[in-house]
Amino acid sequence: MKNKEVFMSAALREAEKAYDIGETPIGAVVVKDGEIIASAHNLRETGKNVLYHAELLAIDAACKKLGGWRLHQCDLYVTLEPCIMCSGAISQARIKNLYFGASDKNGGAVLSADAKACRLFQNTNCEGGILLEECSEILKRFFRKLRSGNKFSDK
């Protein structure tokens, strides 16, 4: 397994944690020098806060760990293409590389949405489709369960 897949697998494990508590299953990890320094999953419903996206929580944890807001030597792996809010934070943090799994044609602001959003990433390399099938499947499974009326145990 290549490094990109290894780190995306770690992000998927975070997404599973979100799934298990009834959160939209999105996970993220921040990597520096080949080591995961921060990881997070969505907590919007649990924390009752619109800002608790996996990407923002992982960036916040990485900043605290490194003692600064510049993450220019870090890569971010996230299971779903980031939204405009998270894209802005990624750009502002100066993340070196952004890798995501599934595209989000409606809410994604990296490659799927209006090309103007790509201006955010002048200093960040972006690549989608890492473990695409696995990242898509957890989201499909989550929304199938919601539509079926099944409740998540911790919600």
C-alpha atoms as a PDB file:
ATOM      1  CA  MET A   1       0.000   0.000   0.000  1.00  0.00           C
ATOM      2  CA  LYS A   2       1.347   3.442  -0.920  1.00  0.00           C
ATOM      3  CA  ASN A   3       1.689   6.255   1.613  1.00  0.00           C
ATOM      4  CA  LYS A   4      -1.337   8.114   0.253  1.00  0.00           C
ATOM      5  CA  GLU A   5      -3.513   5.063   0.773  1.00  0.00           C
ATOM      6  CA  VAL A   6      -2.063   4.446   4.243  1.00  0.00           C
ATOM      7  CA  PHE A   7      -2.910   7.966   5.377  1.00  0.00           C
ATOM      8  CA  MET A   8      -6.328   7.947   3.695  1.00  0.00           C
ATOM      9  CA  SER A   9      -7.024   4.658   5.497  1.00  0.00           C
ATOM     10  CA  ALA A  10      -6.345   6.496   8.748  1.00  0.00           C
ATOM     11  CA  ALA A  11      -8.809   9.196   7.687  1.00  0.00           C
ATOM     12  CA  LEU A  12     -11.334   6.445   6.913  1.00  0.00           C
ATOM     13  CA  ARG A  13     -10.921   5.071  10.439  1.00  0.00           C
ATOM     14  CA  GLU A  14     -11.828   8.544  11.693  1.00  0.00           C
ATOM     15  CA  ALA A  15     -14.863   8.541   9.366  1.00  0.00           C
ATOM     16  CA  GLU A  16     -15.947   5.217  10.909  1.00  0.00           C
ATOM     17  CA  LYS A  17     -15.833   6.857  14.346  1.00  0.00           C
ATOM     18  CA  ALA A  18     -18.167   9.556  13.059  1.00  0.00           C
ATOM     19  CA  TYR A  19     -20.453   6.931  11.525  1.00  0.00           C
ATOM     20  CA  ASP A  20     -20.623   5.024  14.807  1.00  0.00           C
ATOM     21  CA  ILE A  21     -21.999   8.071  16.644  1.00  0.00           C
ATOM     22  CA  GLY A  22     -24.434   9.112  13.909  1.00  0.00           C
ATOM     23  CA  GLU A  23     -22.322  11.905  12.445  1.00  0.00           C
ATOM     24  CA  THR A  24     -21.824  12.306   8.708  1.00  0.00           C
ATOM     25  CA  PRO A  25     -18.834   9.988   8.245  1.00  0.00           C
ATOM     26  CA  ILE A  26     -15.998  12.255   7.245  1.00  0.00           C
ATOM     27  CA  GLY A  27     -12.513  11.863   8.669  1.00  0.00           C
ATOM     28  CA  ALA A  28      -9.289  13.807   8.333  1.00  0.00           C
ATOM     29  CA  VAL A  29      -5.632  13.440   9.283  1.00  0.00           C
ATOM     30  CA  VAL A  30      -2.752  15.900   9.157  1.00  0.00           C
ATOM     31  CA  VAL A  31       0.640  14.449   8.238  1.00  0.00           C
ATOM     32  CA  LYS A  32       4.065  16.005   8.776  1.00  0.00           C
ATOM     33  CA  ASP A  33       7.312  14.274   7.824  1.00  0.00           C
ATOM     34  CA  GLY A  34       5.485  11.008   7.152  1.00  0.00           C
ATOM     35  CA  GLU A  35       3.808  10.925  10.566  1.00  0.00           C
ATOM     36  CA  ILE A  36       0.200  11.603  11.536  1.00  0.00           C
ATOM     37  CA  ILE A  37       0.253  14.538  13.941  1.00  0.00           C
ATOM     38  CA  ALA A  38      -3.502  15.147  14.181  1.00  0.00           C
ATOM     39  CA  SER A  39      -6.722  13.341  13.347  1.00  0.00           C
ATOM     40  CA  ALA A  40     -10.403  14.147  13.646  1.00  0.00           C
ATOM     41  CA  HIS A  41     -13.879  13.304  12.439  1.00  0.00           C
ATOM     42  CA  ASN A  42     -17.082  15.283  12.023  1.00  0.00           C
ATOM     43  CA  LEU A  43     -18.716  16.349  15.275  1.00  0.00           C
ATOM     44  CA  ARG A  44     -21.276  18.939  14.125  1.00  0.00           C
ATOM     45  CA  GLU A  45     -24.290  17.139  15.565  1.00  0.00           C
ATOM     46  CA  THR A  46     -22.555  15.958  18.725  1.00  0.00           C
ATOM     47  CA  GLY A  47     -20.964  19.338  19.428  1.00  0.00           C
ATOM     48  CA  LYS A  48     -23.935  21.301  18.093  1.00  0.00           C
ATOM     49  CA  ASN A  49     -21.498  23.527  16.210  1.00  0.00           C
ATOM     50  CA  VAL A  50     -21.380  24.212  12.475  1.00  0.00           C
ATOM     51  CA  LEU A  51     -17.592  24.613  12.668  1.00  0.00           C
ATOM     52  CA  TYR A  52     -16.925  21.061  13.837  1.00  0.00           C
ATOM     53  CA  HIS A  53     -16.006  19.684  10.415  1.00  0.00           C
ATOM     54  CA  ALA A  54     -13.324  16.980  10.410  1.00  0.00           C
ATOM     55  CA  GLU A  55     -10.891  19.198   8.492  1.00  0.00           C
ATOM     56  CA  LEU A  56     -11.214  22.151  10.866  1.00  0.00           C
ATOM     57  CA  LEU A  57     -10.837  19.970  13.935  1.00  0.00           C
ATOM     58  CA  ALA A  58      -7.746  18.253  12.491  1.00  0.00           C
ATOM     59  CA  ILE A  59      -6.193  21.588  11.499  1.00  0.00           C
ATOM     60  CA  ASP A  60      -6.880  22.978  14.972  1.00  0.00           C
ATOM     61  CA  ALA A  61      -5.249  19.948  16.620  1.00  0.00           C
ATOM     62  CA  ALA A  62      -2.214  20.199  14.301  1.00  0.00           C
ATOM     63  CA  CYS A  63      -1.782  23.902  15.078  1.00  0.00           C
ATOM     64  CA  LYS A  64      -1.872  23.161  18.799  1.00  0.00           C
ATOM     65  CA  LYS A  65       0.609  20.315  18.437  1.00  0.00           C
ATOM     66  CA  LEU A  66       3.052  22.384  16.375  1.00  0.00           C
ATOM     67  CA  GLY A  67       2.528  25.605  18.306  1.00  0.00           C
ATOM     68  CA  GLY A  68       1.620  27.767  15.338  1.00  0.00           C
ATOM     69  CA  TRP A  69      -0.916  28.315  12.573  1.00  0.00           C
ATOM     70  CA  ARG A  70       1.388  27.784   9.577  1.00  0.00           C
ATOM     71  CA  LEU A  71       1.118  24.186   8.408  1.00  0.00           C
ATOM     72  CA  HIS A  72       3.146  24.657   5.226  1.00  0.00           C
ATOM     73  CA  GLN A  73       5.116  21.450   5.863  1.00  0.00           C
ATOM     74  CA  CYS A  74       1.959  19.396   6.365  1.00  0.00           C
ATOM     75  CA  ASP A  75      -0.386  17.370   4.209  1.00  0.00           C
ATOM     76  CA  LEU A  76      -4.101  16.937   4.873  1.00  0.00           C
ATOM     77  CA  TYR A  77      -5.996  13.766   4.009  1.00  0.00           C
ATOM     78  CA  VAL A  78      -9.784  13.938   4.128  1.00  0.00           C
ATOM     79  CA  THR A  79     -12.352  11.389   3.011  1.00  0.00           C
ATOM     80  CA  LEU A  80     -14.630  13.900   1.254  1.00  0.00           C
ATOM     81  CA  GLU A  81     -13.771  16.919  -0.865  1.00  0.00           C
ATOM     82  CA  PRO A  82     -13.720  19.929   1.473  1.00  0.00           C
ATOM     83  CA  CYS A  83     -16.448  22.588   1.467  1.00  0.00           C
ATOM     84  CA  ILE A  84     -15.737  26.276   0.920  1.00  0.00           C
ATOM     85  CA  MET A  85     -15.332  26.926   4.668  1.00  0.00           C
ATOM     86  CA  CYS A  86     -12.795  24.144   5.105  1.00  0.00           C
ATOM     87  CA  SER A  87     -11.079  25.053   1.842  1.00  0.00           C
ATOM     88  CA  GLY A  88     -10.530  28.557   3.173  1.00  0.00           C
ATOM     89  CA  ALA A  89      -9.007  27.187   6.372  1.00  0.00           C
ATOM     90  CA  ILE A  90      -6.759  24.817   4.419  1.00  0.00           C
ATOM     91  CA  SER A  91      -5.532  27.700   2.307  1.00  0.00           C
ATOM     92  CA  GLN A  92      -5.042  30.013   5.286  1.00  0.00           C
ATOM     93  CA  ALA A  93      -3.104  27.310   7.159  1.00  0.00           C
ATOM     94  CA  ARG A  94      -0.885  27.002   4.090  1.00  0.00           C
ATOM     95  CA  ILE A  95      -1.259  23.232   3.936  1.00  0.00           C
ATOM     96  CA  LYS A  96       1.268  21.892   1.405  1.00  0.00           C
ATOM     97  CA  ASN A  97      -0.800  19.045  -0.073  1.00  0.00           C
ATOM     98  CA  LEU A  98      -4.500  18.244   0.135  1.00  0.00           C
ATOM     99  CA  TYR A  99      -5.599  14.714  -0.665  1.00  0.00           C
ATOM    100  CA  PHE A 100      -9.260  13.729  -0.601  1.00  0.00           C
ATOM    101  CA  GLY A 101     -11.220  10.608  -1.358  1.00  0.00           C
ATOM    102  CA  ALA A 102     -14.709  11.189  -2.717  1.00  0.00           C
ATOM    103  CA  SER A 103     -15.750  14.245  -4.693  1.00  0.00           C
ATOM    104  CA  ASP A 104     -18.681  16.340  -3.522  1.00  0.00           C
ATOM    105  CA  LYS A 105     -20.414  17.699  -6.605  1.00  0.00           C
ATOM    106  CA  ASN A 106     -22.799  19.855  -4.561  1.00  0.00           C
ATOM    107  CA  GLY A 107     -20.711  21.132  -1.674  1.00  0.00           C
ATOM    108  CA  GLY A 108     -17.115  20.520  -2.668  1.00  0.00           C
ATOM    109  CA  ALA A 109     -14.980  23.594  -3.209  1.00  0.00           C
ATOM    110  CA  VAL A 110     -11.721  22.109  -4.462  1.00  0.00           C
ATOM    111  CA  LEU A 111     -12.273  20.507  -7.847  1.00  0.00           C
ATOM    112  CA  SER A 112     -16.021  19.896  -8.135  1.00  0.00           C
ATOM    113  CA  ALA A 113     -17.490  23.337  -7.526  1.00  0.00           C
ATOM    114  CA  ASP A 114     -17.059  26.680  -9.222  1.00  0.00           C
ATOM    115  CA  ALA A 115     -13.513  26.946 -10.554  1.00  0.00           C
ATOM    116  CA  LYS A 116     -13.168  30.298  -8.782  1.00  0.00           C
ATOM    117  CA  ALA A 117     -12.797  28.406  -5.516  1.00  0.00           C
ATOM    118  CA  CYS A 118      -9.567  26.911  -6.826  1.00  0.00           C
ATOM    119  CA  ARG A 119      -7.967  30.330  -6.368  1.00  0.00           C
ATOM    120  CA  LEU A 120      -7.823  29.396  -2.709  1.00  0.00           C
ATOM    121  CA  PHE A 121      -5.257  26.757  -3.494  1.00  0.00           C
ATOM    122  CA  GLN A 122      -2.490  28.743  -5.152  1.00  0.00           C
ATOM    123  CA  ASN A 123       0.058  27.282  -2.726  1.00  0.00           C
ATOM    124  CA  THR A 124      -1.607  23.929  -2.029  1.00  0.00           C
ATOM    125  CA  ASN A 125      -1.377  20.933  -4.324  1.00  0.00           C
ATOM    126  CA  CYS A 126      -4.753  19.169  -4.555  1.00  0.00           C
ATOM    127  CA  GLU A 127      -5.496  15.594  -5.551  1.00  0.00           C
ATOM    128  CA  GLY A 128      -8.778  13.731  -5.320  1.00  0.00           C
ATOM    129  CA  GLY A 129      -9.795  10.116  -5.734  1.00  0.00           C
ATOM    130  CA  ILE A 130      -7.532   8.551  -3.094  1.00  0.00           C
ATOM    131  CA  LEU A 131      -9.343   5.350  -1.993  1.00  0.00           C
ATOM    132  CA  LEU A 132     -12.365   6.709  -3.838  1.00  0.00           C
ATOM    133  CA  GLU A 133     -14.499   3.571  -3.546  1.00  0.00           C
ATOM    134  CA  GLU A 134     -13.984   3.190   0.195  1.00  0.00           C
ATOM    135  CA  CYS A 135     -14.577   6.880   0.873  1.00  0.00           C
ATOM    136  CA  SER A 136     -17.748   6.877  -1.229  1.00  0.00           C
ATOM    137  CA  GLU A 137     -19.077   3.665   0.258  1.00  0.00           C
ATOM    138  CA  ILE A 138     -19.088   4.821   3.876  1.00  0.00           C
ATOM    139  CA  LEU A 139     -21.117   7.892   2.890  1.00  0.00           C
ATOM    140  CA  LYS A 140     -23.564   5.794   0.848  1.00  0.00           C
ATOM    141  CA  ARG A 141     -23.953   3.356   3.751  1.00  0.00           C
ATOM    142  CA  PHE A 142     -24.607   6.232   6.167  1.00  0.00           C
ATOM    143  CA  PHE A 143     -27.286   7.887   4.029  1.00  0.00           C
ATOM    144  CA  ARG A 144     -28.949   4.536   3.225  1.00  0.00           C
ATOM    145  CA  LYS A 145     -29.237   3.933   6.959  1.00  0.00           C
ATOM    146  CA  LEU A 146     -30.701   7.400   7.537  1.00  0.00           C
ATOM    147  CA  ARG A 147     -33.249   6.995   4.721  1.00  0.00           C
ATOM    148  CA  SER A 148     -34.294   3.591   6.032  1.00  0.00           C
ATOM    149  CA  GLY A 149     -35.283   5.164   9.345  1.00  0.00           C
ATOM    150  CA  ASN A 150     -32.702   3.210  11.353  1.00  0.00           C
ATOM    151  CA  LYS A 151     -31.413   5.202  14.279  1.00  0.00           C
ATOM    152  CA  PHE A 152     -27.808   5.483  15.310  1.00  0.00           C
ATOM    153  CA  SER A 153     -27.350   4.121  18.808  1.00  0.00           C
ATOM    154  CA  ASP A 154     -25.455   7.103  20.299  1.00  0.00           C
ATOM    155  CA  LYS A 155     -27.721   9.846  18.931  1.00  0.00           C
END
